[in-house]
N, C-alpha and C. Protein backbone atom coordinates (compact mmCIF):
# COMPACT_ATOMS: atom_id res chain seq x y z
N MET A 1 111.12 103.06 133.25
CA MET A 1 110.45 103.00 132.19
C MET A 1 109.49 104.65 131.93
N GLU A 2 109.45 105.04 131.02
CA GLU A 2 108.71 106.11 130.71
C GLU A 2 106.64 106.21 130.34
N GLN A 3 106.00 106.24 130.78
CA GLN A 3 104.81 105.72 130.21
C GLN A 3 104.20 106.12 129.52
N MET A 4 103.57 105.67 128.80
CA MET A 4 102.70 105.85 127.48
C MET A 4 101.64 106.55 127.64
N SER A 5 101.44 107.94 126.95
CA SER A 5 100.11 108.31 127.04
C SER A 5 98.67 107.78 127.10
N GLN A 6 97.69 108.02 127.33
CA GLN A 6 96.16 106.89 126.95
C GLN A 6 96.18 107.53 125.36
N ASN A 7 96.57 108.76 124.70
CA ASN A 7 96.40 109.11 123.71
C ASN A 7 97.28 108.16 122.49
N GLU A 8 98.65 108.06 123.49
CA GLU A 8 99.38 107.08 122.39
C GLU A 8 99.38 105.27 122.29
N LEU A 9 98.80 105.12 123.93
CA LEU A 9 98.12 103.74 123.67
C LEU A 9 97.27 103.43 122.95
N VAL A 10 96.14 104.22 122.40
CA VAL A 10 94.78 103.79 121.59
C VAL A 10 95.11 104.42 120.20
N GLU A 11 96.08 105.14 120.17
CA GLU A 11 96.50 105.22 118.51
C GLU A 11 97.61 104.10 118.05
N THR A 12 98.22 103.36 119.27
CA THR A 12 98.93 102.17 118.32
C THR A 12 98.27 101.01 118.81
N ILE A 13 97.09 100.79 119.67
CA ILE A 13 95.81 99.85 119.10
C ILE A 13 94.71 99.76 117.83
N ARG A 14 94.93 101.05 117.63
CA ARG A 14 93.64 101.20 116.54
C ARG A 14 94.69 101.09 115.71
N SER A 15 95.42 101.26 115.30
CA SER A 15 96.27 100.98 114.14
C SER A 15 97.04 99.19 113.85
N ILE A 16 96.81 98.39 114.42
CA ILE A 16 97.05 97.35 114.48
C ILE A 16 95.99 96.81 113.49
N GLU A 17 96.32 95.92 112.15
CA GLU A 17 96.23 95.56 111.46
C GLU A 17 95.41 93.70 111.82
N HIS A 18 94.48 93.48 111.13
CA HIS A 18 93.80 92.19 111.43
C HIS A 18 95.08 91.34 110.50
N PRO A 19 95.02 90.08 111.05
CA PRO A 19 95.87 89.15 110.57
C PRO A 19 95.74 88.64 108.85
N GLU A 20 94.41 89.04 109.07
CA GLU A 20 93.72 88.22 107.43
C GLU A 20 93.05 89.04 106.57
N ILE A 21 92.78 90.06 106.77
CA ILE A 21 91.60 91.46 106.33
C ILE A 21 92.50 92.39 106.24
N ALA A 22 93.22 92.78 105.00
CA ALA A 22 93.94 94.45 104.92
C ALA A 22 92.95 95.63 105.51
N ASN A 23 92.49 95.64 106.50
CA ASN A 23 92.40 96.65 107.54
C ASN A 23 92.54 96.35 108.94
N THR A 24 92.33 97.49 109.78
CA THR A 24 92.71 97.92 110.90
C THR A 24 91.50 96.97 111.52
N LEU A 25 91.92 96.47 112.89
CA LEU A 25 90.78 95.47 114.00
C LEU A 25 90.09 96.81 114.09
N ASN A 26 90.49 98.48 114.08
CA ASN A 26 89.59 99.17 114.49
C ASN A 26 89.00 99.98 113.69
N GLU A 27 89.01 99.44 112.20
CA GLU A 27 88.27 99.90 110.75
C GLU A 27 87.16 98.61 111.18
N LEU A 28 87.72 97.58 111.09
CA LEU A 28 86.46 96.41 111.32
C LEU A 28 85.83 96.42 112.43
N GLY A 29 85.67 97.29 113.39
CA GLY A 29 84.80 97.12 114.39
C GLY A 29 85.23 96.68 115.81
N MET A 30 87.07 96.10 115.74
CA MET A 30 86.77 94.84 116.77
C MET A 30 87.45 95.85 117.75
N ILE A 31 87.46 96.92 118.00
CA ILE A 31 88.38 97.56 119.41
C ILE A 31 86.78 98.26 119.94
N GLY A 32 87.13 97.90 121.12
CA GLY A 32 85.77 98.88 121.82
C GLY A 32 86.89 99.29 122.88
N ASP A 33 86.49 99.44 124.16
CA ASP A 33 87.36 100.30 125.53
C ASP A 33 88.76 100.41 125.85
N ILE A 34 89.71 100.79 125.96
CA ILE A 34 91.17 100.75 125.50
C ILE A 34 91.26 101.69 127.11
N ASN A 35 91.82 101.16 128.09
CA ASN A 35 92.04 101.79 129.57
C ASN A 35 93.64 101.07 129.60
N GLN A 36 94.31 101.73 130.16
CA GLN A 36 95.71 101.90 131.00
C GLN A 36 95.61 101.92 132.73
N ASN A 37 96.56 101.41 133.18
CA ASN A 37 96.42 101.52 134.86
C ASN A 37 97.92 101.25 135.38
N HIS A 38 98.17 102.64 134.95
CA HIS A 38 99.72 102.89 135.44
C HIS A 38 100.09 102.36 137.48
N GLU A 39 99.40 102.35 138.18
CA GLU A 39 99.47 101.91 139.30
C GLU A 39 99.66 100.47 139.26
N GLU A 40 98.48 99.78 138.41
CA GLU A 40 98.87 98.12 138.25
C GLU A 40 99.37 97.83 137.33
N LYS A 41 100.01 98.79 136.46
CA LYS A 41 100.60 98.35 135.26
C LYS A 41 99.77 97.41 134.40
N THR A 42 98.84 97.99 133.75
CA THR A 42 97.96 96.79 133.04
C THR A 42 97.51 97.70 131.82
N ILE A 43 97.28 97.05 131.11
CA ILE A 43 96.71 97.63 129.89
C ILE A 43 95.40 96.80 129.80
N SER A 44 94.10 97.33 129.25
CA SER A 44 93.17 96.58 129.23
C SER A 44 92.20 96.79 128.21
N VAL A 45 91.95 96.22 127.30
CA VAL A 45 91.54 96.09 125.71
C VAL A 45 90.17 95.54 125.66
N THR A 46 89.35 96.06 125.13
CA THR A 46 87.79 94.67 124.95
C THR A 46 87.86 94.53 123.07
N LEU A 47 87.89 92.83 122.97
CA LEU A 47 88.22 92.98 121.14
C LEU A 47 86.71 92.38 121.33
N VAL A 48 86.09 93.08 120.42
CA VAL A 48 84.71 92.90 119.83
C VAL A 48 84.54 92.04 118.45
N LEU A 49 84.33 91.01 119.27
CA LEU A 49 84.12 89.82 117.93
C LEU A 49 82.72 89.68 116.82
N PRO A 50 82.73 89.75 116.05
CA PRO A 50 81.70 89.12 115.18
C PRO A 50 80.39 88.48 115.67
N MET A 51 81.05 87.19 115.98
CA MET A 51 80.13 86.52 116.83
C MET A 51 81.07 85.48 117.98
N MET A 52 80.70 85.60 119.40
CA MET A 52 81.11 84.32 119.97
C MET A 52 81.92 83.22 119.70
N THR A 53 80.94 82.33 118.97
CA THR A 53 81.70 81.54 118.34
C THR A 53 82.96 80.93 117.37
N ILE A 54 83.74 82.16 117.04
CA ILE A 54 84.46 82.29 116.18
C ILE A 54 85.28 81.13 116.67
N PRO A 55 86.04 80.77 116.36
CA PRO A 55 87.34 79.13 116.37
C PRO A 55 88.43 79.85 117.29
N ILE A 56 88.92 79.14 118.16
CA ILE A 56 89.40 79.96 119.62
C ILE A 56 90.97 80.21 118.64
N GLU A 57 91.32 78.96 117.62
CA GLU A 57 92.72 79.77 116.80
C GLU A 57 92.49 81.04 116.83
N ILE A 58 91.18 81.58 115.82
CA ILE A 58 91.27 82.80 115.28
C ILE A 58 91.46 83.76 116.55
N ARG A 59 90.51 83.73 117.69
CA ARG A 59 90.49 84.78 118.72
C ARG A 59 91.52 84.75 119.31
N ASP A 60 92.46 83.86 119.45
CA ASP A 60 93.84 83.76 120.00
C ASP A 60 94.97 84.80 119.30
N MET A 61 94.29 84.74 117.87
CA MET A 61 95.43 85.16 116.80
C MET A 61 95.18 86.54 116.86
N LEU A 62 93.95 87.10 117.20
CA LEU A 62 93.63 88.15 117.15
C LEU A 62 94.34 88.65 118.16
N ILE A 63 94.26 88.37 119.83
CA ILE A 63 94.29 88.51 121.04
C ILE A 63 96.28 88.70 120.88
N ASN A 64 96.65 87.68 119.68
CA ASN A 64 98.05 88.35 119.74
C ASN A 64 98.95 89.23 118.91
N SER A 65 97.48 89.55 117.94
CA SER A 65 97.90 90.76 117.26
C SER A 65 97.83 92.28 117.81
N ILE A 66 97.44 91.79 118.63
CA ILE A 66 97.27 93.53 120.27
C ILE A 66 97.80 93.16 121.15
N ALA A 67 98.76 92.24 121.17
CA ALA A 67 99.95 91.68 122.26
C ALA A 67 100.96 92.33 121.48
N GLU A 68 101.22 92.15 120.76
CA GLU A 68 102.76 92.03 119.56
C GLU A 68 102.33 93.41 119.39
N GLY A 69 101.53 94.01 119.09
CA GLY A 69 101.18 95.48 118.25
C GLY A 69 101.63 96.57 119.66
N ILE A 70 101.76 95.83 121.11
CA ILE A 70 101.76 97.19 122.38
C ILE A 70 102.74 96.60 122.78
N LYS A 71 103.63 96.06 122.51
CA LYS A 71 104.68 95.13 123.57
C LYS A 71 105.78 96.21 124.03
N GLN A 72 106.12 96.86 122.61
CA GLN A 72 107.49 97.63 122.10
C GLN A 72 107.51 98.79 123.41
N LYS A 73 105.98 99.34 122.91
CA LYS A 73 105.54 100.36 123.46
C LYS A 73 105.22 99.80 125.05
N ALA A 74 104.66 99.44 125.60
CA ALA A 74 104.26 99.17 126.98
C ALA A 74 104.57 97.92 127.37
N LYS A 75 106.49 98.35 127.38
CA LYS A 75 106.68 97.43 128.52
C LYS A 75 107.05 96.88 129.54
N GLY A 76 106.37 95.57 130.46
CA GLY A 76 106.43 96.22 131.50
C GLY A 76 104.70 96.22 131.94
N TYR A 77 104.42 96.32 131.45
CA TYR A 77 102.47 95.83 131.32
C TYR A 77 102.33 95.24 130.81
N LYS A 78 101.34 94.52 132.03
CA LYS A 78 100.69 93.10 131.58
C LYS A 78 99.02 93.81 130.74
N LEU A 79 98.35 92.97 129.65
CA LEU A 79 97.59 93.01 128.57
C LEU A 79 96.16 92.39 129.16
N LYS A 80 95.22 92.59 130.17
CA LYS A 80 94.01 91.75 129.60
C LYS A 80 93.08 92.39 128.77
N ILE A 81 92.52 91.11 128.19
CA ILE A 81 91.67 91.57 126.86
C ILE A 81 90.11 90.78 127.44
N SER A 82 89.31 91.56 127.36
CA SER A 82 88.09 91.41 127.82
C SER A 82 87.33 91.25 125.92
N LEU A 83 86.20 90.20 126.06
CA LEU A 83 85.24 89.73 124.21
C LEU A 83 84.21 90.19 124.70
N ASP A 84 83.56 90.99 123.66
CA ASP A 84 82.57 91.17 123.76
C ASP A 84 81.68 91.34 122.34
N GLN A 85 80.76 91.55 121.80
CA GLN A 85 79.89 90.53 120.53
C GLN A 85 79.48 92.15 120.18
N MET A 86 79.67 92.12 118.67
CA MET A 86 79.27 92.91 117.70
C MET A 86 78.09 93.58 117.44
N GLU A 87 77.26 94.52 117.53
CA GLU A 87 76.34 95.11 117.47
C GLU A 87 76.14 94.77 115.74
N GLU A 88 74.42 94.41 115.46
CA GLU A 88 74.19 94.30 114.04
C GLU A 88 74.73 94.84 113.30
N GLU A 89 74.35 96.68 113.18
CA GLU A 89 75.23 97.37 112.15
C GLU A 89 76.66 97.21 111.76
N THR A 90 77.13 97.46 113.35
CA THR A 90 78.71 97.11 113.22
C THR A 90 79.10 95.37 112.44
N LYS A 91 78.91 94.59 113.11
CA LYS A 91 78.54 93.07 112.13
C LYS A 91 78.27 93.28 110.83
N GLN A 92 77.22 94.04 109.96
CA GLN A 92 77.43 94.07 108.62
C GLN A 92 78.35 94.57 108.26
N LYS A 93 79.02 95.85 108.63
CA LYS A 93 80.21 96.50 108.22
C LYS A 93 81.57 95.18 107.92
N PHE A 94 81.67 94.85 109.29
CA PHE A 94 82.87 93.80 109.53
C PHE A 94 82.86 92.98 107.93
N PHE A 95 81.57 92.33 107.91
CA PHE A 95 81.35 90.85 107.06
C PHE A 95 81.75 92.27 104.99
N VAL A 96 81.05 93.18 105.06
CA VAL A 96 81.79 93.49 103.78
C VAL A 96 82.77 93.72 103.53
N LEU A 97 83.65 93.94 104.64
CA LEU A 97 85.11 94.79 104.65
C LEU A 97 86.00 93.87 104.78
N SER A 98 85.23 92.91 105.35
CA SER A 98 86.38 91.38 105.45
C SER A 98 86.08 90.79 103.94
N LYS A 99 84.90 90.98 103.42
CA LYS A 99 84.29 90.49 101.95
C LYS A 99 85.45 91.16 100.56
N GLN A 100 85.36 92.10 100.87
CA GLN A 100 86.38 92.55 100.27
C GLN A 100 88.35 93.10 100.47
N ASN A 101 88.70 92.97 101.51
CA ASN A 101 89.75 93.28 101.91
C ASN A 101 90.50 91.55 102.48
N TRP A 102 89.95 90.50 102.40
CA TRP A 102 90.65 89.13 102.33
C TRP A 102 92.09 89.33 102.19
N LYS A 103 92.67 88.74 102.79
CA LYS A 103 94.14 88.93 102.29
C LYS A 103 94.90 87.42 101.61
N LEU A 104 94.08 86.07 102.10
CA LEU A 104 94.10 84.88 101.90
C LEU A 104 93.73 84.94 100.46
């Protein structure tokens, strides 16, 4: 299998849309570090949450969105997701966008 470049990986992940908000996870400030290790065949992504107390179901839905978004382009790679919490300024932007663009 040919390897995906770091730029392709970053662009792929940054284009993943939030399942319930009509914005990408990146636009919402939810994507942190993105790294891949070709030797270990791993992709590491930091998912930045507005608060660490969000329901597990929502957290898992976001993780699954990332996994689905890269699975075709990163076959054979294992996804590792770490969690972080948004800074206050990013959190305020997230809430404004989520209110404006909520799908449901």
